[in-house]
């Protein structure tokens, strides 16, 4: 009985505290909802400096003092020579990371990153996209590919490096580049279209549940989740998929003119070694090797646009932590009331 009493007292305190916290947070959230829409932040970091620092650290660890001093003197001379040779200054290599999800929401940041680069890039500069995506929605990846096309249209050298995967919509983006590089076992291709959905009509019928769907337009809805699908709807749905596939093939063929589309646009994927043989990519290698080589002749910068968390996001996380912490303390106190 004593345990039940203590447990009931703990539960009452916990409920009261949670309700009070929710009311307080609700009021603050109401104020936060009046804030302006979320704003992003552009970040530019020097990858060249990071590579130089790694090289310097490795030299200190592996070489003797005399060798390190010699290298430092040579490095100082090189930097002075670079400052004097303004007319022969190194071009810039802007690096953008795109790790695409199914809905391609990352395109929101990509469009800002591309815009920022176009504002400052010179004709001799280059952009490297480190791409990783297994594809997703057509309209999302179509827009992402269009963002890369903006760089091509501005006559900025565009290189895409694929270390892991660029398939389907990912390859739609990659094929826009002047040059595509892939690691030997990166997954490349999957130039095809897929759509699938469950149908619960039989389950509804089994439980005597009716389903109604009303449309205006013969093909407003071809297949449905809950209604009974028919062959005419399936046929139209397949036709629509085929139309998207034709557009996809045409887009790839426009940018990779040496491809045998009948051979590669089957929906299959290939590893980097095979993809090079089939001319889906131009070179084999990793983005790391590309950056190390580029650092000898270009200044490398990473460009990233990220969304700032607004007050509602911060409050939500803080409130969650506070509630969990308080309930934990109450529980401990109920176990050891004295």
C-alpha atoms as a PDB file:
ATOM      1  CA  UNK A   1       0.000   0.000   0.000  1.00  0.00           C
ATOM      2  CA  UNK A   2       2.887   2.338   0.784  1.00  0.00           C
ATOM      3  CA  UNK A   3       4.330   1.670  -2.675  1.00  0.00           C
ATOM      4  CA  UNK A   4       0.976   2.423  -4.344  1.00  0.00           C
ATOM      5  CA  UNK A   5       0.692   5.641  -2.378  1.00  0.00           C
ATOM      6  CA  UNK A   6       4.184   6.771  -3.359  1.00  0.00           C
ATOM      7  CA  UNK A   7       3.606   5.788  -6.993  1.00  0.00           C
ATOM      8  CA  UNK A   8       0.276   7.685  -7.107  1.00  0.00           C
ATOM      9  CA  UNK A   9       1.902  10.753  -5.586  1.00  0.00           C
ATOM     10  CA  UNK A  10       4.697  10.590  -8.158  1.00  0.00           C
ATOM     11  CA  UNK A  11       2.207  10.235 -11.039  1.00  0.00           C
ATOM     12  CA  UNK A  12       0.166  13.225  -9.826  1.00  0.00           C
ATOM     13  CA  UNK A  13       3.268  15.408  -9.560  1.00  0.00           C
ATOM     14  CA  UNK A  14       4.500  14.329 -12.982  1.00  0.00           C
ATOM     15  CA  UNK A  15       1.155  15.019 -14.683  1.00  0.00           C
ATOM     16  CA  UNK A  16       0.838  18.424 -13.010  1.00  0.00           C
ATOM     17  CA  UNK A  17       4.360  19.391 -14.032  1.00  0.00           C
ATOM     18  CA  UNK A  18       3.931  18.220 -17.629  1.00  0.00           C
ATOM     19  CA  UNK A  19       0.664  20.140 -18.018  1.00  0.00           C
ATOM     20  CA  UNK A  20       2.268  23.295 -16.598  1.00  0.00           C
ATOM     21  CA  UNK A  21       5.253  22.975 -18.917  1.00  0.00           C
ATOM     22  CA  UNK A  22       3.039  22.374 -21.951  1.00  0.00           C
ATOM     23  CA  UNK A  23       0.975  25.468 -21.175  1.00  0.00           C
ATOM     24  CA  UNK A  24       4.122  27.568 -20.824  1.00  0.00           C
ATOM     25  CA  UNK A  25       5.663  26.185 -23.996  1.00  0.00           C
ATOM     26  CA  UNK A  26       2.360  26.656 -25.832  1.00  0.00           C
ATOM     27  CA  UNK A  27       2.387  30.355 -25.024  1.00  0.00           C
ATOM     28  CA  UNK A  28       5.968  30.775 -26.167  1.00  0.00           C
ATOM     29  CA  UNK A  29       5.337  28.746 -29.316  1.00  0.00           C
ATOM     30  CA  UNK A  30       2.415  31.040 -30.093  1.00  0.00           C
ATOM     31  CA  UNK A  31       4.825  33.965 -30.055  1.00  0.00           C
ATOM     32  CA  UNK A  32       7.428  32.050 -32.039  1.00  0.00           C
ATOM     33  CA  UNK A  33       4.914  31.250 -34.769  1.00  0.00           C
ATOM     34  CA  UNK A  34       4.771  34.954 -35.545  1.00  0.00           C
ATOM     35  CA  UNK A  35       8.430  34.951 -36.517  1.00  0.00           C
ATOM     36  CA  UNK A  36       9.479  35.399 -40.106  1.00  0.00           C
ATOM     37  CA  UNK A  37      10.105  32.324 -42.205  1.00  0.00           C
ATOM     38  CA  UNK A  38      13.245  30.376 -41.594  1.00  0.00           C
ATOM     39  CA  UNK A  39      16.422  31.951 -42.960  1.00  0.00           C
ATOM     40  CA  UNK A  40      19.510  30.139 -44.131  1.00  0.00           C
ATOM     41  CA  UNK A  41      23.191  30.731 -43.667  1.00  0.00           C
ATOM     42  CA  UNK A  42      25.889  30.505 -46.309  1.00  0.00           C
ATOM     43  CA  UNK A  43      29.195  29.022 -45.201  1.00  0.00           C
ATOM     44  CA  UNK A  44      32.434  29.002 -47.196  1.00  0.00           C
ATOM     45  CA  UNK A  45      35.442  27.110 -45.868  1.00  0.00           C
ATOM     46  CA  UNK A  46      38.900  26.684 -47.356  1.00  0.00           C
ATOM     47  CA  UNK A  47      39.585  23.038 -48.176  1.00  0.00           C
ATOM     48  CA  UNK A  48      43.052  24.082 -49.398  1.00  0.00           C
ATOM     49  CA  UNK A  49      43.943  25.286 -45.898  1.00  0.00           C
ATOM     50  CA  UNK A  50      42.715  22.015 -44.424  1.00  0.00           C
ATOM     51  CA  UNK A  51      44.803  19.962 -46.862  1.00  0.00           C
ATOM     52  CA  UNK A  52      47.873  22.137 -46.188  1.00  0.00           C
ATOM     53  CA  UNK A  53      47.407  21.708 -42.419  1.00  0.00           C
ATOM     54  CA  UNK A  54      47.168  17.927 -42.771  1.00  0.00           C
ATOM     55  CA  UNK A  55      50.315  17.889 -44.866  1.00  0.00           C
ATOM     56  CA  UNK A  56      52.142  20.053 -42.339  1.00  0.00           C
ATOM     57  CA  UNK A  57      51.059  17.830 -39.426  1.00  0.00           C
ATOM     58  CA  UNK A  58      52.142  14.706 -41.284  1.00  0.00           C
ATOM     59  CA  UNK A  59      55.544  16.255 -42.046  1.00  0.00           C
ATOM     60  CA  UNK A  60      56.096  17.133 -38.381  1.00  0.00           C
ATOM     61  CA  UNK A  61      55.251  13.573 -37.346  1.00  0.00           C
ATOM     62  CA  UNK A  62      57.272  11.777 -39.998  1.00  0.00           C
ATOM     63  CA  UNK A  63      60.229  14.006 -40.890  1.00  0.00           C
ATOM     64  CA  UNK A  64      63.221  15.242 -38.951  1.00  0.00           C
ATOM     65  CA  UNK A  65      63.572  18.842 -37.739  1.00  0.00           C
ATOM     66  CA  UNK A  66      66.003  19.788 -40.495  1.00  0.00           C
ATOM     67  CA  UNK A  67      63.733  18.412 -43.210  1.00  0.00           C
ATOM     68  CA  UNK A  68      60.710  20.199 -41.720  1.00  0.00           C
ATOM     69  CA  UNK A  69      62.591  23.535 -41.637  1.00  0.00           C
ATOM     70  CA  UNK A  70      63.643  23.065 -45.249  1.00  0.00           C
ATOM     71  CA  UNK A  71      60.053  22.408 -46.314  1.00  0.00           C
ATOM     72  CA  UNK A  72      58.814  25.430 -44.353  1.00  0.00           C
ATOM     73  CA  UNK A  73      61.316  27.701 -46.124  1.00  0.00           C
ATOM     74  CA  UNK A  74      60.274  26.341 -49.498  1.00  0.00           C
ATOM     75  CA  UNK A  75      56.630  26.844 -48.601  1.00  0.00           C
ATOM     76  CA  UNK A  76      57.254  30.484 -47.623  1.00  0.00           C
ATOM     77  CA  UNK A  77      59.012  31.129 -50.920  1.00  0.00           C
ATOM     78  CA  UNK A  78      56.133  29.537 -52.821  1.00  0.00           C
ATOM     79  CA  UNK A  79      53.537  31.676 -51.019  1.00  0.00           C
ATOM     80  CA  UNK A  80      55.516  34.873 -51.661  1.00  0.00           C
ATOM     81  CA  UNK A  81      55.811  33.996 -55.329  1.00  0.00           C
ATOM     82  CA  UNK A  82      52.053  33.408 -55.515  1.00  0.00           C
ATOM     83  CA  UNK A  83      51.338  36.823 -53.979  1.00  0.00           C
ATOM     84  CA  UNK A  84      53.616  38.595 -56.460  1.00  0.00           C
ATOM     85  CA  UNK A  85      52.195  36.774 -59.471  1.00  0.00           C
ATOM     86  CA  UNK A  86      48.753  38.401 -59.291  1.00  0.00           C
ATOM     87  CA  UNK A  87      48.228  37.962 -63.015  1.00  0.00           C
ATOM     88  CA  UNK A  88      48.878  34.258 -62.675  1.00  0.00           C
ATOM     89  CA  UNK A  89      46.792  33.721 -59.563  1.00  0.00           C
ATOM     90  CA  UNK A  90      45.309  30.282 -59.076  1.00  0.00           C
ATOM     91  CA  UNK A  91      41.725  29.751 -60.131  1.00  0.00           C
ATOM     92  CA  UNK A  92      39.094  28.673 -57.631  1.00  0.00           C
ATOM     93  CA  UNK A  93      37.515  25.257 -57.235  1.00  0.00           C
ATOM     94  CA  UNK A  94      34.169  25.429 -55.452  1.00  0.00           C
ATOM     95  CA  UNK A  95      33.056  22.182 -53.802  1.00  0.00           C
ATOM     96  CA  UNK A  96      29.397  21.404 -53.102  1.00  0.00           C
ATOM     97  CA  UNK A  97      28.132  18.274 -51.361  1.00  0.00           C
ATOM     98  CA  UNK A  98      24.778  16.852 -52.426  1.00  0.00           C
ATOM     99  CA  UNK A  99      23.531  13.814 -50.516  1.00  0.00           C
ATOM    100  CA  UNK A 100      20.080  13.343 -51.965  1.00  0.00           C
ATOM    101  CA  UNK A 101      17.081  11.747 -50.274  1.00  0.00           C
ATOM    102  CA  UNK A 102      13.971  10.266 -51.863  1.00  0.00           C
ATOM    103  CA  UNK A 103      12.095  13.575 -51.982  1.00  0.00           C
ATOM    104  CA  UNK A 104      15.213  15.556 -53.016  1.00  0.00           C
ATOM    105  CA  UNK A 105      14.484  18.306 -50.465  1.00  0.00           C
ATOM    106  CA  UNK A 106      18.241  19.028 -50.470  1.00  0.00           C
ATOM    107  CA  UNK A 107      17.647  20.966 -53.691  1.00  0.00           C
ATOM    108  CA  UNK A 108      16.534  23.897 -51.491  1.00  0.00           C
ATOM    109  CA  UNK A 109      20.114  24.304 -50.296  1.00  0.00           C
ATOM    110  CA  UNK A 110      21.623  23.412 -53.679  1.00  0.00           C
ATOM    111  CA  UNK A 111      19.860  26.256 -55.471  1.00  0.00           C
ATOM    112  CA  UNK A 112      21.257  28.759 -52.937  1.00  0.00           C
ATOM    113  CA  UNK A 113      24.758  27.295 -53.213  1.00  0.00           C
ATOM    114  CA  UNK A 114      24.689  27.493 -56.999  1.00  0.00           C
ATOM    115  CA  UNK A 115      23.409  31.064 -56.887  1.00  0.00           C
ATOM    116  CA  UNK A 116      26.188  32.067 -54.487  1.00  0.00           C
ATOM    117  CA  UNK A 117      28.843  30.507 -56.729  1.00  0.00           C
ATOM    118  CA  UNK A 118      27.466  32.201 -59.835  1.00  0.00           C
ATOM    119  CA  UNK A 119      27.709  35.542 -58.038  1.00  0.00           C
ATOM    120  CA  UNK A 120      31.474  35.243 -57.541  1.00  0.00           C
ATOM    121  CA  UNK A 121      32.822  32.656 -60.003  1.00  0.00           C
ATOM    122  CA  UNK A 122      35.125  33.671 -62.843  1.00  0.00           C
ATOM    123  CA  UNK A 123      35.246  31.920 -66.232  1.00  0.00           C
ATOM    124  CA  UNK A 124      38.457  30.100 -65.270  1.00  0.00           C
ATOM    125  CA  UNK A 125      36.944  28.694 -62.064  1.00  0.00           C
ATOM    126  CA  UNK A 126      35.480  25.217 -61.597  1.00  0.00           C
ATOM    127  CA  UNK A 127      32.740  23.579 -59.528  1.00  0.00           C
ATOM    128  CA  UNK A 128      32.989  20.062 -58.094  1.00  0.00           C
ATOM    129  CA  UNK A 129      29.778  18.364 -56.945  1.00  0.00           C
ATOM    130  CA  UNK A 130      30.379  15.467 -54.549  1.00  0.00           C
ATOM    131  CA  UNK A 131      27.218  13.562 -55.354  1.00  0.00           C
ATOM    132  CA  UNK A 132      25.598  10.705 -53.475  1.00  0.00           C
ATOM    133  CA  UNK A 133      22.040   9.659 -54.299  1.00  0.00           C
ATOM    134  CA  UNK A 134      20.038   6.591 -55.239  1.00  0.00           C
ATOM    135  CA  UNK A 135      17.362   8.775 -56.839  1.00  0.00           C
ATOM    136  CA  UNK A 136      13.809   9.663 -55.958  1.00  0.00           C
ATOM    137  CA  UNK A 137      10.924  11.785 -57.185  1.00  0.00           C
ATOM    138  CA  UNK A 138      11.120  12.971 -60.792  1.00  0.00           C
ATOM    139  CA  UNK A 139      10.235  16.604 -60.205  1.00  0.00           C
ATOM    140  CA  UNK A 140      12.696  16.952 -57.315  1.00  0.00           C
ATOM    141  CA  UNK A 141      15.676  15.531 -59.162  1.00  0.00           C
ATOM    142  CA  UNK A 142      14.643  17.307 -62.341  1.00  0.00           C
ATOM    143  CA  UNK A 143      14.969  20.597 -60.469  1.00  0.00           C
ATOM    144  CA  UNK A 144      18.301  19.506 -58.953  1.00  0.00           C
ATOM    145  CA  UNK A 145      19.651  18.706 -62.438  1.00  0.00           C
ATOM    146  CA  UNK A 146      18.404  22.102 -63.632  1.00  0.00           C
ATOM    147  CA  UNK A 147      20.399  23.791 -60.870  1.00  0.00           C
ATOM    148  CA  UNK A 148      23.564  22.143 -62.186  1.00  0.00           C
ATOM    149  CA  UNK A 149      22.591  23.167 -65.701  1.00  0.00           C
ATOM    150  CA  UNK A 150      22.750  26.788 -64.524  1.00  0.00           C
ATOM    151  CA  UNK A 151      26.494  26.339 -64.029  1.00  0.00           C
ATOM    152  CA  UNK A 152      26.904  24.875 -67.504  1.00  0.00           C
ATOM    153  CA  UNK A 153      24.892  27.698 -69.017  1.00  0.00           C
ATOM    154  CA  UNK A 154      27.212  30.189 -67.299  1.00  0.00           C
ATOM    155  CA  UNK A 155      30.189  28.377 -68.903  1.00  0.00           C
ATOM    156  CA  UNK A 156      31.616  27.335 -65.526  1.00  0.00           C
ATOM    157  CA  UNK A 157      33.501  24.042 -65.682  1.00  0.00           C
ATOM    158  CA  UNK A 158      31.378  21.445 -63.853  1.00  0.00           C
ATOM    159  CA  UNK A 159      32.734  18.169 -62.516  1.00  0.00           C
ATOM    160  CA  UNK A 160      30.703  15.552 -60.646  1.00  0.00           C
ATOM    161  CA  UNK A 161      32.428  12.995 -58.422  1.00  0.00           C
ATOM    162  CA  UNK A 162      30.583   9.870 -57.293  1.00  0.00           C
ATOM    163  CA  UNK A 163      32.236   7.969 -54.444  1.00  0.00           C
ATOM    164  CA  UNK A 164      29.289   5.705 -53.578  1.00  0.00           C
ATOM    165  CA  UNK A 165      26.165   5.960 -55.707  1.00  0.00           C
ATOM    166  CA  UNK A 166      24.539   8.080 -58.419  1.00  0.00           C
ATOM    167  CA  UNK A 167      21.564   6.097 -59.666  1.00  0.00           C
ATOM    168  CA  UNK A 168      18.289   7.066 -61.323  1.00  0.00           C
ATOM    169  CA  UNK A 169      17.681  10.705 -60.342  1.00  0.00           C
ATOM    170  CA  UNK A 170      21.247  10.797 -59.023  1.00  0.00           C
ATOM    171  CA  UNK A 171      22.565   9.954 -62.468  1.00  0.00           C
ATOM    172  CA  UNK A 172      20.149  12.479 -63.998  1.00  0.00           C
ATOM    173  CA  UNK A 173      22.132  15.072 -62.042  1.00  0.00           C
ATOM    174  CA  UNK A 174      25.548  13.569 -62.777  1.00  0.00           C
ATOM    175  CA  UNK A 175      25.109  13.437 -66.540  1.00  0.00           C
ATOM    176  CA  UNK A 176      24.815  17.249 -66.700  1.00  0.00           C
ATOM    177  CA  UNK A 177      28.501  17.640 -65.820  1.00  0.00           C
ATOM    178  CA  UNK A 178      31.344  18.313 -68.237  1.00  0.00           C
ATOM    179  CA  UNK A 179      33.165  15.431 -66.565  1.00  0.00           C
ATOM    180  CA  UNK A 180      31.933  12.578 -64.369  1.00  0.00           C
ATOM    181  CA  UNK A 181      34.343  10.771 -62.042  1.00  0.00           C
ATOM    182  CA  UNK A 182      33.421   7.616 -60.146  1.00  0.00           C
ATOM    183  CA  UNK A 183      35.196   5.302 -57.743  1.00  0.00           C
ATOM    184  CA  UNK A 184      35.702   1.770 -59.007  1.00  0.00           C
ATOM    185  CA  UNK A 185      32.791   0.269 -57.097  1.00  0.00           C
ATOM    186  CA  UNK A 186      30.392   3.209 -57.092  1.00  0.00           C
ATOM    187  CA  UNK A 187      26.884   2.330 -58.273  1.00  0.00           C
ATOM    188  CA  UNK A 188      26.057   4.134 -61.507  1.00  0.00           C
ATOM    189  CA  UNK A 189      23.066   4.151 -63.859  1.00  0.00           C
ATOM    190  CA  UNK A 190      19.566   2.846 -63.196  1.00  0.00           C
ATOM    191  CA  UNK A 191      18.186   4.932 -66.055  1.00  0.00           C
ATOM    192  CA  UNK A 192      14.623   3.804 -65.553  1.00  0.00           C
ATOM    193  CA  UNK A 193      11.369   4.669 -63.816  1.00  0.00           C
ATOM    194  CA  UNK A 194       9.512   2.775 -61.110  1.00  0.00           C
ATOM    195  CA  UNK A 195       6.180   3.252 -59.332  1.00  0.00           C
ATOM    196  CA  UNK A 196       4.446   0.927 -56.925  1.00  0.00           C
ATOM    197  CA  UNK A 197       1.522   1.111 -54.531  1.00  0.00           C
ATOM    198  CA  UNK A 198      -0.501  -1.295 -52.394  1.00  0.00           C
ATOM    199  CA  UNK A 199      -4.220  -1.870 -52.912  1.00  0.00           C
ATOM    200  CA  UNK A 200      -6.505  -2.497 -49.934  1.00  0.00           C
ATOM    201  CA  UNK A 201      -9.743  -3.018 -51.863  1.00  0.00           C
ATOM    202  CA  UNK A 202     -10.085  -6.717 -51.001  1.00  0.00           C
ATOM    203  CA  UNK A 203      -9.466  -5.999 -47.329  1.00  0.00           C
ATOM    204  CA  UNK A 204     -12.183  -3.332 -47.307  1.00  0.00           C
ATOM    205  CA  UNK A 205     -14.653  -5.660 -49.015  1.00  0.00           C
ATOM    206  CA  UNK A 206     -13.906  -8.384 -46.491  1.00  0.00           C
ATOM    207  CA  UNK A 207     -14.943  -6.037 -43.675  1.00  0.00           C
ATOM    208  CA  UNK A 208     -17.933  -4.598 -45.577  1.00  0.00           C
ATOM    209  CA  UNK A 209     -16.369  -1.150 -45.910  1.00  0.00           C
ATOM    210  CA  UNK A 210     -17.394   0.936 -48.906  1.00  0.00           C
ATOM    211  CA  UNK A 211     -14.973   3.289 -50.650  1.00  0.00           C
ATOM    212  CA  UNK A 212     -16.014   6.133 -52.901  1.00  0.00           C
ATOM    213  CA  UNK A 213     -13.829   8.271 -55.101  1.00  0.00           C
ATOM    214  CA  UNK A 214     -15.112  11.015 -57.381  1.00  0.00           C
ATOM    215  CA  UNK A 215     -13.044  12.651 -60.127  1.00  0.00           C
ATOM    216  CA  UNK A 216     -13.548  15.077 -62.994  1.00  0.00           C
ATOM    217  CA  UNK A 217     -11.474  14.071 -65.994  1.00  0.00           C
ATOM    218  CA  UNK A 218     -11.101  10.593 -67.405  1.00  0.00           C
ATOM    219  CA  UNK A 219      -7.557  10.100 -66.180  1.00  0.00           C
ATOM    220  CA  UNK A 220      -7.504  12.259 -63.069  1.00  0.00           C
ATOM    221  CA  UNK A 221      -6.851   9.037 -61.171  1.00  0.00           C
ATOM    222  CA  UNK A 222      -5.664   5.871 -62.897  1.00  0.00           C
ATOM    223  CA  UNK A 223      -4.788   3.619 -59.945  1.00  0.00           C
ATOM    224  CA  UNK A 224      -6.053   3.908 -56.393  1.00  0.00           C
ATOM    225  CA  UNK A 225      -5.117   2.559 -52.986  1.00  0.00           C
ATOM    226  CA  UNK A 226      -8.615   1.672 -51.850  1.00  0.00           C
ATOM    227  CA  UNK A 227     -10.808   1.357 -54.920  1.00  0.00           C
ATOM    228  CA  UNK A 228     -10.941  -1.550 -57.345  1.00  0.00           C
ATOM    229  CA  UNK A 229      -8.377  -1.006 -60.106  1.00  0.00           C
ATOM    230  CA  UNK A 230      -9.124  -2.025 -63.673  1.00  0.00           C
ATOM    231  CA  UNK A 231      -7.024  -2.881 -66.709  1.00  0.00           C
ATOM    232  CA  UNK A 232      -7.725   0.452 -68.427  1.00  0.00           C
ATOM    233  CA  UNK A 233      -6.326   2.328 -65.438  1.00  0.00           C
ATOM    234  CA  UNK A 234      -3.261   0.082 -65.303  1.00  0.00           C
ATOM    235  CA  UNK A 235      -2.619   0.593 -69.004  1.00  0.00           C
ATOM    236  CA  UNK A 236      -2.777   4.370 -68.687  1.00  0.00           C
ATOM    237  CA  UNK A 237      -0.511   4.294 -65.645  1.00  0.00           C
ATOM    238  CA  UNK A 238       2.100   2.271 -67.545  1.00  0.00           C
ATOM    239  CA  UNK A 239       1.868   4.712 -70.454  1.00  0.00           C
ATOM    240  CA  UNK A 240       2.605   7.591 -68.106  1.00  0.00           C
ATOM    241  CA  UNK A 241       5.639   5.758 -66.716  1.00  0.00           C
ATOM    242  CA  UNK A 242       6.892   5.127 -70.236  1.00  0.00           C
ATOM    243  CA  UNK A 243       6.541   8.822 -71.065  1.00  0.00           C
ATOM    244  CA  UNK A 244       8.723   9.728 -68.092  1.00  0.00           C
ATOM    245  CA  UNK A 245      11.271   7.115 -69.178  1.00  0.00           C
ATOM    246  CA  UNK A 246      11.397   8.599 -72.677  1.00  0.00           C
ATOM    247  CA  UNK A 247      12.022  12.051 -71.213  1.00  0.00           C
ATOM    248  CA  UNK A 248      14.723  10.644 -68.911  1.00  0.00           C
ATOM    249  CA  UNK A 249      16.501   8.919 -71.796  1.00  0.00           C
ATOM    250  CA  UNK A 250      16.297  12.043 -73.924  1.00  0.00           C
ATOM    251  CA  UNK A 251      17.799  14.138 -71.132  1.00  0.00           C
ATOM    252  CA  UNK A 252      20.708  11.740 -70.624  1.00  0.00           C
ATOM    253  CA  UNK A 253      21.295  11.432 -74.377  1.00  0.00           C
ATOM    254  CA  UNK A 254      21.408  15.205 -74.719  1.00  0.00           C
ATOM    255  CA  UNK A 255      24.287  15.443 -72.221  1.00  0.00           C
ATOM    256  CA  UNK A 256      26.106  12.139 -72.923  1.00  0.00           C
ATOM    257  CA  UNK A 257      26.070  11.924 -76.687  1.00  0.00           C
ATOM    258  CA  UNK A 258      28.447   8.929 -76.903  1.00  0.00           C
ATOM    259  CA  UNK A 259      26.138   6.662 -74.919  1.00  0.00           C
ATOM    260  CA  UNK A 260      24.355   3.704 -76.425  1.00  0.00           C
ATOM    261  CA  UNK A 261      20.989   4.533 -74.847  1.00  0.00           C
ATOM    262  CA  UNK A 262      19.339   1.277 -75.892  1.00  0.00           C
ATOM    263  CA  UNK A 263      22.040  -0.548 -73.949  1.00  0.00           C
ATOM    264  CA  UNK A 264      22.231   1.581 -70.801  1.00  0.00           C
ATOM    265  CA  UNK A 265      18.651   2.874 -70.365  1.00  0.00           C
ATOM    266  CA  UNK A 266      17.236  -0.468 -69.219  1.00  0.00           C
ATOM    267  CA  UNK A 267      16.909   0.413 -65.548  1.00  0.00           C
ATOM    268  CA  UNK A 268      20.048  -1.591 -64.704  1.00  0.00           C
ATOM    269  CA  UNK A 269      22.959  -0.220 -62.688  1.00  0.00           C
ATOM    270  CA  UNK A 270      26.681  -0.842 -63.030  1.00  0.00           C
ATOM    271  CA  UNK A 271      29.765  -0.455 -60.885  1.00  0.00           C
ATOM    272  CA  UNK A 272      32.263   2.291 -61.685  1.00  0.00           C
ATOM    273  CA  UNK A 273      34.641   0.045 -63.638  1.00  0.00           C
ATOM    274  CA  UNK A 274      31.818  -1.145 -65.887  1.00  0.00           C
ATOM    275  CA  UNK A 275      30.287   2.315 -66.099  1.00  0.00           C
ATOM    276  CA  UNK A 276      33.500   3.730 -67.552  1.00  0.00           C
ATOM    277  CA  UNK A 277      33.569   1.032 -70.214  1.00  0.00           C
ATOM    278  CA  UNK A 278      29.984   1.915 -71.115  1.00  0.00           C
ATOM    279  CA  UNK A 279      30.853   5.655 -71.145  1.00  0.00           C
ATOM    280  CA  UNK A 280      28.475   6.496 -68.314  1.00  0.00           C
ATOM    281  CA  UNK A 281      31.459   8.098 -66.551  1.00  0.00           C
ATOM    282  CA  UNK A 282      34.670   9.636 -67.865  1.00  0.00           C
ATOM    283  CA  UNK A 283      37.279   8.748 -65.263  1.00  0.00           C
ATOM    284  CA  UNK A 284      37.831   6.404 -62.331  1.00  0.00           C
ATOM    285  CA  UNK A 285      38.911   7.904 -59.032  1.00  0.00           C
ATOM    286  CA  UNK A 286      37.731   9.322 -55.731  1.00  0.00           C
ATOM    287  CA  UNK A 287      36.864  12.888 -54.826  1.00  0.00           C
ATOM    288  CA  UNK A 288      39.777  12.827 -52.356  1.00  0.00           C
ATOM    289  CA  UNK A 289      42.320  12.147 -55.094  1.00  0.00           C
ATOM    290  CA  UNK A 290      40.749  14.824 -57.285  1.00  0.00           C
ATOM    291  CA  UNK A 291      41.011  17.430 -54.531  1.00  0.00           C
ATOM    292  CA  UNK A 292      44.622  16.553 -53.699  1.00  0.00           C
ATOM    293  CA  UNK A 293      45.629  16.985 -57.335  1.00  0.00           C
ATOM    294  CA  UNK A 294      43.583  20.179 -57.732  1.00  0.00           C
ATOM    295  CA  UNK A 295      45.169  21.741 -54.643  1.00  0.00           C
ATOM    296  CA  UNK A 296      48.454  22.079 -56.545  1.00  0.00           C
ATOM    297  CA  UNK A 297      46.953  24.550 -59.013  1.00  0.00           C
ATOM    298  CA  UNK A 298      43.636  25.782 -57.573  1.00  0.00           C
ATOM    299  CA  UNK A 299      42.315  27.365 -54.403  1.00  0.00           C
ATOM    300  CA  UNK A 300      39.619  25.028 -53.087  1.00  0.00           C
ATOM    301  CA  UNK A 301      36.586  26.250 -51.168  1.00  0.00           C
ATOM    302  CA  UNK A 302      33.631  24.324 -49.781  1.00  0.00           C
ATOM    303  CA  UNK A 303      30.303  26.088 -50.239  1.00  0.00           C
ATOM    304  CA  UNK A 304      27.413  25.104 -47.967  1.00  0.00           C
ATOM    305  CA  UNK A 305      24.009  26.646 -47.393  1.00  0.00           C
ATOM    306  CA  UNK A 306      22.209  25.454 -44.273  1.00  0.00           C
ATOM    307  CA  UNK A 307      18.894  26.440 -42.721  1.00  0.00           C
ATOM    308  CA  UNK A 308      18.957  28.007 -39.293  1.00  0.00           C
ATOM    309  CA  UNK A 309      16.717  26.475 -36.668  1.00  0.00           C
ATOM    310  CA  UNK A 310      13.976  28.856 -35.661  1.00  0.00           C
ATOM    311  CA  UNK A 311      12.718  29.475 -32.141  1.00  0.00           C
ATOM    312  CA  UNK A 312      10.025  26.813 -32.397  1.00  0.00           C
ATOM    313  CA  UNK A 313      12.579  24.105 -33.220  1.00  0.00           C
ATOM    314  CA  UNK A 314      14.871  25.155 -30.379  1.00  0.00           C
ATOM    315  CA  UNK A 315      12.041  25.387 -27.868  1.00  0.00           C
ATOM    316  CA  UNK A 316      10.659  22.019 -28.880  1.00  0.00           C
ATOM    317  CA  UNK A 317      13.981  20.316 -28.287  1.00  0.00           C
ATOM    318  CA  UNK A 318      14.636  22.195 -25.017  1.00  0.00           C
ATOM    319  CA  UNK A 319      11.167  21.413 -23.679  1.00  0.00           C
ATOM    320  CA  UNK A 320      11.559  17.740 -24.494  1.00  0.00           C
ATOM    321  CA  UNK A 321      14.873  17.558 -22.637  1.00  0.00           C
ATOM    322  CA  UNK A 322      13.458  19.484 -19.664  1.00  0.00           C
ATOM    323  CA  UNK A 323      10.403  17.228 -19.341  1.00  0.00           C
ATOM    324  CA  UNK A 324      12.462  14.039 -19.536  1.00  0.00           C
ATOM    325  CA  UNK A 325      14.946  15.345 -16.970  1.00  0.00           C
ATOM    326  CA  UNK A 326      12.258  16.496 -14.513  1.00  0.00           C
ATOM    327  CA  UNK A 327      10.282  13.247 -14.717  1.00  0.00           C
ATOM    328  CA  UNK A 328      13.510  11.347 -14.116  1.00  0.00           C
ATOM    329  CA  UNK A 329      14.244  13.358 -10.955  1.00  0.00           C
ATOM    330  CA  UNK A 330      10.685  12.897  -9.676  1.00  0.00           C
ATOM    331  CA  UNK A 331      10.897   9.165 -10.195  1.00  0.00           C
ATOM    332  CA  UNK A 332      14.196   8.966  -8.296  1.00  0.00           C
ATOM    333  CA  UNK A 333      12.693  11.018  -5.462  1.00  0.00           C
ATOM    334  CA  UNK A 334       9.647   8.750  -5.273  1.00  0.00           C
ATOM    335  CA  UNK A 335      11.939   5.770  -4.875  1.00  0.00           C
ATOM    336  CA  UNK A 336      13.936   7.509  -2.137  1.00  0.00           C
ATOM    337  CA  UNK A 337      11.521  10.047  -0.551  1.00  0.00           C
ATOM    338  CA  UNK A 338      13.791  10.718   2.415  1.00  0.00           C
END
